[in-house]
Amino acid sequence: MPHTPHAPLFVREMGLPLRFGLYAFFCLLLLVLDARYATLAGVRAGLNALIHPVHIALAQPLDWMQGISRFLVKHAELARDNRHFIQRQELLDAGMRDRATLLAENTRLRALLALPPRPGFTLLAGEVIETTPDPFARRIIINRGQSHGVSAGLPVVDATGLVGQVTRVYPWSAEVTLLTDRDQAAPVLNLRNGLRIIVSGQGSDTLLEVRFLDMHADLRPGDLLYTSGIDGIYPAGVPVARVLNTEPPRNTPFARAICQPLGGVGQYRHMAVLVPTAVPTPTEKNGAAPSPHVAGSKRP
């Protein structure tokens, strides 16, 4: 049989300190060579190319989470800003509406104060504080009463025309029956030809009527009707209505005319009561003291 050499029974390996020293020396040698001659630049580039897809894949979930977090934060901020802007817009709209209302009231008050003075009357401005709940009557309550010199029967006007008449008086308020009430009427004069007629209410704030009109009366659409002053209640020359159309007689000998009120009947909040001024007596004009008999005293 051929003789085969036998491997040694025990192989002596390199010790750990020696291997550590060799590894450290090899690493230092690579560091020196790379720092001096950049010998490992290609190796680093290759390793970076191999590791980059792994780095991207590992970083993708974190990017997704950050993107979702930024989306939620931005959505919450946008929703909060949207609510804030909506509330601010509502406040601005309310302010604009209030401003428009105040401007309209200011314009009407200026027009009311600019009314020309009427001989024998004083303008007493008032404000509507209540509307009567009766659906078949056109009445309002104003904040002027007996304590302000208001009495029943006084006419009420606004900046554009006749509104109504005081029908009931309280200490600090008064009830005004509007001209459009079915039971209210006013004698008027046609400015075009001097025709005297009576205008009555229909129960609507936008229409008046002439109920018993002579079929041959000269009344045309567009004619302006002003108070005639013959009733002793309404002063002459107050604008009342404009004629819209006339209707021929129907089963009655009288014609009928439909008119539009010139005053803001049932529309505005401010109006004026025409309070008659006290007419001084001849004795008061001369500055003399009144007679004892007039004062009610007895002669000694």
Protein backbone atom coordinates (compact mmCIF):
# COMPACT_ATOMS: atom_id res chain seq x y z
CA MET A 1 0.00 0.00 0.00
CA PRO A 2 1.26 3.39 -0.82
CA HIS A 3 2.27 5.49 2.10
CA THR A 4 0.33 8.77 2.46
CA PRO A 5 1.54 11.55 4.64
CA HIS A 6 -0.65 12.37 7.57
CA ALA A 7 -1.66 15.92 8.45
CA PRO A 8 -0.45 17.13 11.78
CA LEU A 9 -2.74 16.29 14.56
CA PHE A 10 -2.69 19.79 16.08
CA VAL A 11 -2.46 22.97 14.00
CA ARG A 12 -1.21 26.01 15.80
CA GLU A 13 -3.32 29.10 14.90
CA MET A 14 -2.40 32.81 15.06
CA GLY A 15 -3.24 34.36 18.39
CA LEU A 16 -5.86 37.08 18.92
CA PRO A 17 -3.45 39.87 19.79
CA LEU A 18 -1.45 39.23 16.67
CA ARG A 19 -4.56 39.21 14.48
CA PHE A 20 -5.85 42.40 16.06
CA GLY A 21 -2.52 44.06 15.45
CA LEU A 22 -2.51 43.01 11.82
CA TYR A 23 -6.10 44.27 11.30
CA ALA A 24 -5.30 47.57 12.95
CA PHE A 25 -2.16 47.99 10.88
CA PHE A 26 -4.14 47.22 7.69
CA CYS A 27 -6.82 49.76 8.60
CA LEU A 28 -4.27 52.44 9.38
CA LEU A 29 -2.54 51.68 6.10
CA LEU A 30 -5.85 52.10 4.21
CA LEU A 31 -6.57 55.35 6.03
CA VAL A 32 -3.15 56.73 5.20
CA LEU A 33 -3.39 55.70 1.56
CA ASP A 34 -6.94 57.12 1.22
CA ALA A 35 -6.03 60.36 2.95
CA ARG A 36 -2.87 60.77 0.91
CA TYR A 37 -3.78 59.40 -2.47
CA ALA A 38 -7.66 58.96 -2.33
CA THR A 39 -7.25 55.35 -3.28
CA LEU A 40 -10.66 54.35 -1.83
CA ALA A 41 -12.77 57.00 -3.63
CA GLY A 42 -13.98 54.50 -6.20
CA VAL A 43 -14.76 52.00 -3.49
CA ARG A 44 -16.79 54.57 -1.60
CA ALA A 45 -18.65 55.55 -4.76
CA GLY A 46 -19.48 51.94 -5.52
CA LEU A 47 -20.63 51.27 -1.98
CA ASN A 48 -22.73 54.46 -2.04
CA ALA A 49 -24.37 53.34 -5.28
CA LEU A 50 -25.19 50.00 -3.71
CA ILE A 51 -26.46 51.44 -0.43
CA HIS A 52 -28.44 54.41 -1.89
CA PRO A 53 -31.54 52.38 -2.95
CA VAL A 54 -31.62 50.75 0.45
CA HIS A 55 -31.34 54.17 2.10
CA ILE A 56 -34.19 55.51 -0.04
CA ALA A 57 -36.37 52.49 0.72
CA LEU A 58 -35.72 52.77 4.45
CA ALA A 59 -36.37 56.56 4.48
CA GLN A 60 -39.60 56.37 2.46
CA PRO A 61 -41.96 55.46 5.37
CA LEU A 62 -40.55 58.32 7.41
CA ASP A 63 -41.11 60.74 4.50
CA TRP A 64 -44.66 59.49 4.13
CA MET A 65 -45.37 59.99 7.83
CA GLN A 66 -43.89 63.49 7.74
CA GLY A 67 -45.94 64.31 4.62
CA ILE A 68 -49.14 63.09 6.28
CA SER A 69 -48.32 65.06 9.42
CA ARG A 70 -47.67 68.25 7.41
CA PHE A 71 -50.93 67.71 5.48
CA LEU A 72 -52.94 67.32 8.67
CA VAL A 73 -51.32 70.37 10.24
CA LYS A 74 -51.90 72.50 7.15
CA HIS A 75 -55.49 71.24 6.87
CA ALA A 76 -56.16 72.13 10.50
CA GLU A 77 -54.57 75.56 10.04
CA LEU A 78 -56.58 76.18 6.87
CA ALA A 79 -59.81 75.09 8.57
CA ARG A 80 -59.08 77.39 11.53
CA ASP A 81 -58.22 80.30 9.25
CA ASN A 82 -61.34 79.61 7.19
CA ARG A 83 -63.55 79.72 10.29
CA HIS A 84 -61.82 82.90 11.42
CA PHE A 85 -62.30 84.56 8.05
CA ILE A 86 -65.94 83.46 7.86
CA GLN A 87 -66.64 84.94 11.30
CA ARG A 88 -64.83 88.12 10.35
CA GLN A 89 -66.77 88.32 7.09
CA GLU A 90 -70.04 87.89 8.97
CA LEU A 91 -69.05 90.67 11.38
CA LEU A 92 -68.09 92.92 8.48
CA ASP A 93 -71.38 92.15 6.70
CA ALA A 94 -73.34 92.93 9.85
CA GLY A 95 -71.36 96.15 10.26
CA MET A 96 -72.05 97.11 6.65
CA ARG A 97 -75.76 96.42 7.08
CA ASP A 98 -75.84 98.50 10.27
CA ARG A 99 -73.91 101.26 8.53
CA ALA A 100 -76.29 101.22 5.57
CA THR A 101 -79.26 101.36 7.96
CA LEU A 102 -77.75 104.23 9.90
CA LEU A 103 -76.93 106.11 6.71
CA ALA A 104 -80.50 105.67 5.47
CA GLU A 105 -81.92 106.83 8.80
CA ASN A 106 -79.50 109.74 8.86
CA THR A 107 -80.59 110.76 5.37
CA ARG A 108 -84.26 110.58 6.34
CA LEU A 109 -83.64 112.56 9.54
CA ARG A 110 -81.76 115.23 7.63
CA ALA A 111 -84.61 115.43 5.14
CA LEU A 112 -87.08 115.61 8.04
CA LEU A 113 -85.14 118.44 9.67
CA ALA A 114 -84.93 120.23 6.33
CA LEU A 115 -88.73 120.47 6.00
CA PRO A 116 -89.80 124.06 5.44
CA PRO A 117 -91.51 125.65 8.43
CA ARG A 118 -95.29 125.89 8.22
CA PRO A 119 -96.99 128.95 9.64
CA GLY A 120 -98.79 128.15 12.86
CA PHE A 121 -97.16 124.72 13.32
CA THR A 122 -94.04 123.34 14.99
CA LEU A 123 -92.37 120.13 13.85
CA LEU A 124 -92.05 117.58 16.66
CA ALA A 125 -89.87 114.66 15.55
CA GLY A 126 -90.83 111.20 16.79
CA GLU A 127 -89.89 107.56 16.35
CA VAL A 128 -92.07 104.51 15.78
CA ILE A 129 -91.79 102.19 18.79
CA GLU A 130 -94.62 99.74 18.08
CA THR A 131 -97.06 98.57 15.43
CA THR A 132 -100.56 97.60 16.46
CA PRO A 133 -101.26 93.87 15.93
CA ASP A 134 -104.70 94.44 14.39
CA PRO A 135 -104.43 93.13 10.78
CA PHE A 136 -107.47 95.18 9.70
CA ALA A 137 -106.10 98.54 10.90
CA ARG A 138 -103.05 100.54 9.92
CA ARG A 139 -101.90 102.10 13.20
CA ILE A 140 -98.53 102.71 14.83
CA ILE A 141 -97.29 103.97 18.20
CA ILE A 142 -94.75 106.81 18.40
CA ASN A 143 -92.67 107.95 21.38
CA ARG A 144 -94.33 111.35 21.70
CA GLY A 145 -97.38 112.00 23.86
CA GLN A 146 -99.18 114.51 26.09
CA SER A 147 -95.99 115.41 27.93
CA HIS A 148 -94.53 116.56 24.60
CA GLY A 149 -97.53 118.65 23.59
CA VAL A 150 -99.20 116.08 21.33
CA SER A 151 -102.99 115.92 21.19
CA ALA A 152 -105.50 113.87 19.24
CA GLY A 153 -106.22 115.01 15.69
CA LEU A 154 -102.76 116.39 14.88
CA PRO A 155 -101.35 115.53 11.43
CA VAL A 156 -98.21 113.41 11.08
CA VAL A 157 -95.80 113.89 8.16
CA ASP A 158 -92.40 112.73 7.01
CA ALA A 159 -89.84 114.24 4.66
CA THR A 160 -91.87 113.38 1.54
CA GLY A 161 -95.52 113.77 2.46
CA LEU A 162 -98.49 113.08 4.70
CA VAL A 163 -98.34 109.93 6.82
CA GLY A 164 -101.44 109.97 9.01
CA GLN A 165 -103.16 111.51 11.99
CA VAL A 166 -102.86 111.19 15.77
CA THR A 167 -106.00 109.42 16.97
CA ARG A 168 -105.16 108.50 20.57
CA VAL A 169 -102.76 110.11 23.03
CA TYR A 170 -101.03 108.73 26.12
CA PRO A 171 -98.72 110.49 28.58
CA TRP A 172 -95.48 109.54 26.78
CA SER A 173 -96.72 108.02 23.52
CA ALA A 174 -99.42 108.41 20.92
CA GLU A 175 -101.30 106.25 18.45
CA VAL A 176 -101.14 107.33 14.82
CA THR A 177 -103.66 106.08 12.27
CA LEU A 178 -101.93 105.88 8.91
CA LEU A 179 -103.44 107.50 5.86
CA THR A 180 -103.79 104.06 4.25
CA ASP A 181 -106.22 102.83 6.91
CA ARG A 182 -109.66 102.01 5.49
CA ASP A 183 -111.36 104.47 7.85
CA GLN A 184 -108.93 107.31 7.18
CA ALA A 185 -109.45 110.07 4.60
CA ALA A 186 -107.99 113.45 3.74
CA PRO A 187 -109.32 116.31 1.57
CA VAL A 188 -106.86 117.05 -1.23
CA LEU A 189 -106.40 119.45 -4.11
CA ASN A 190 -105.26 118.59 -7.62
CA LEU A 191 -102.35 120.90 -8.36
CA ARG A 192 -102.98 120.79 -12.09
CA ASN A 193 -106.55 122.13 -12.14
CA GLY A 194 -107.55 122.84 -8.54
CA LEU A 195 -110.03 119.94 -8.34
CA ARG A 196 -110.98 119.18 -4.73
CA ILE A 197 -111.55 115.53 -3.86
CA ILE A 198 -111.16 113.20 -0.89
CA VAL A 199 -108.51 110.48 -0.79
CA SER A 200 -109.17 107.40 1.35
CA GLY A 201 -107.12 104.42 2.46
CA GLN A 202 -107.41 100.88 1.15
CA GLY A 203 -105.70 98.98 3.95
CA SER A 204 -102.47 98.72 1.97
CA ASP A 205 -99.43 100.94 2.55
CA THR A 206 -98.84 101.32 -1.17
CA LEU A 207 -102.27 102.37 -2.45
CA LEU A 208 -104.89 105.05 -1.86
CA GLU A 209 -108.19 105.62 -3.65
CA VAL A 210 -110.76 108.24 -4.51
CA ARG A 211 -114.03 106.40 -3.90
CA PHE A 212 -116.78 108.73 -5.03
CA LEU A 213 -115.38 110.49 -8.09
CA ASP A 214 -117.57 112.23 -10.60
CA MET A 215 -117.35 110.38 -13.89
CA HIS A 216 -116.70 113.70 -15.65
CA ALA A 217 -114.04 114.89 -13.21
CA ASP A 218 -110.77 116.00 -14.81
CA LEU A 219 -108.38 113.64 -13.06
CA ARG A 220 -105.51 112.09 -15.00
CA PRO A 221 -102.70 109.65 -14.23
CA GLY A 222 -99.69 111.52 -12.91
CA ASP A 223 -101.66 114.33 -11.22
CA LEU A 224 -100.24 115.35 -7.84
CA LEU A 225 -102.65 115.67 -4.92
CA TYR A 226 -101.86 117.98 -1.98
CA THR A 227 -103.87 118.72 1.13
CA SER A 228 -106.41 121.48 0.55
CA GLY A 229 -106.62 122.64 4.18
CA ILE A 230 -110.40 123.09 4.13
CA ASP A 231 -110.99 120.52 6.90
CA GLY A 232 -109.09 122.48 9.55
CA ILE A 233 -107.00 119.42 10.47
CA TYR A 234 -104.38 119.04 7.78
CA PRO A 235 -102.54 122.23 6.77
CA ALA A 236 -102.70 123.14 3.12
CA GLY A 237 -99.88 122.19 0.78
CA VAL A 238 -98.75 118.85 2.25
CA PRO A 239 -97.98 116.24 -0.49
CA VAL A 240 -100.40 113.34 -0.27
CA ALA A 241 -100.57 111.15 -3.39
CA ARG A 242 -99.97 110.72 -7.11
CA VAL A 243 -102.77 109.45 -9.36
CA LEU A 244 -101.95 106.10 -10.97
CA ASN A 245 -105.10 105.44 -12.99
CA THR A 246 -108.82 106.07 -13.06
CA GLU A 247 -111.55 103.44 -13.37
CA PRO A 248 -114.92 104.10 -15.06
CA PRO A 249 -118.16 103.54 -13.12
CA ARG A 250 -119.14 99.91 -12.52
CA ASN A 251 -122.71 99.38 -11.29
CA THR A 252 -122.52 102.78 -9.65
CA PRO A 253 -122.78 106.39 -10.86
CA PHE A 254 -119.32 107.20 -9.49
CA ALA A 255 -115.89 106.55 -10.96
CA ARG A 256 -112.84 105.51 -8.95
CA ALA A 257 -109.20 106.57 -8.96
CA ILE A 258 -106.20 104.62 -7.67
CA CYS A 259 -103.38 106.68 -6.16
CA GLN A 260 -99.93 106.10 -4.75
CA PRO A 261 -99.02 107.80 -1.44
CA LEU A 262 -96.13 110.23 -1.67
CA GLY A 263 -95.18 109.87 1.99
CA GLY A 264 -93.38 106.85 3.34
CA VAL A 265 -96.49 105.37 4.91
CA GLY A 266 -95.53 102.30 6.95
CA GLN A 267 -91.93 102.40 5.72
CA TYR A 268 -89.82 104.74 7.83
CA ARG A 269 -89.12 104.81 11.54
CA HIS A 270 -88.97 108.56 12.01
CA MET A 271 -91.68 111.11 11.36
CA ALA A 272 -92.86 114.48 12.65
CA VAL A 273 -96.05 115.65 14.33
CA LEU A 274 -97.32 119.09 13.28
CA VAL A 275 -98.08 120.73 16.64
CA PRO A 276 -99.96 124.05 16.39
CA THR A 277 -98.19 126.95 18.01
CA ALA A 278 -99.98 129.11 20.54
CA VAL A 279 -101.34 132.27 18.95
CA PRO A 280 -100.70 135.26 21.24
CA THR A 281 -103.70 137.42 22.13
CA PRO A 282 -103.69 141.16 21.37
CA THR A 283 -103.14 141.87 25.09
CA GLU A 284 -100.07 139.61 25.17
CA LYS A 285 -98.75 141.21 21.98
CA ASN A 286 -98.92 144.67 23.61
CA GLY A 287 -97.18 143.35 26.72
CA ALA A 288 -100.02 144.33 29.09
CA ALA A 289 -101.02 142.21 32.05
CA PRO A 290 -104.24 140.23 31.69
CA SER A 291 -107.42 141.61 33.23
CA PRO A 292 -108.38 140.35 36.69
CA HIS A 293 -111.73 139.24 35.30
CA VAL A 294 -109.95 137.10 32.74
CA ALA A 295 -107.77 135.58 35.45
CA GLY A 296 -110.92 134.59 37.36
CA SER A 297 -110.46 136.84 40.40
CA LYS A 298 -113.34 138.69 42.03
CA ARG A 299 -113.58 142.49 42.36
CA PRO A 300 -113.25 143.67 45.99
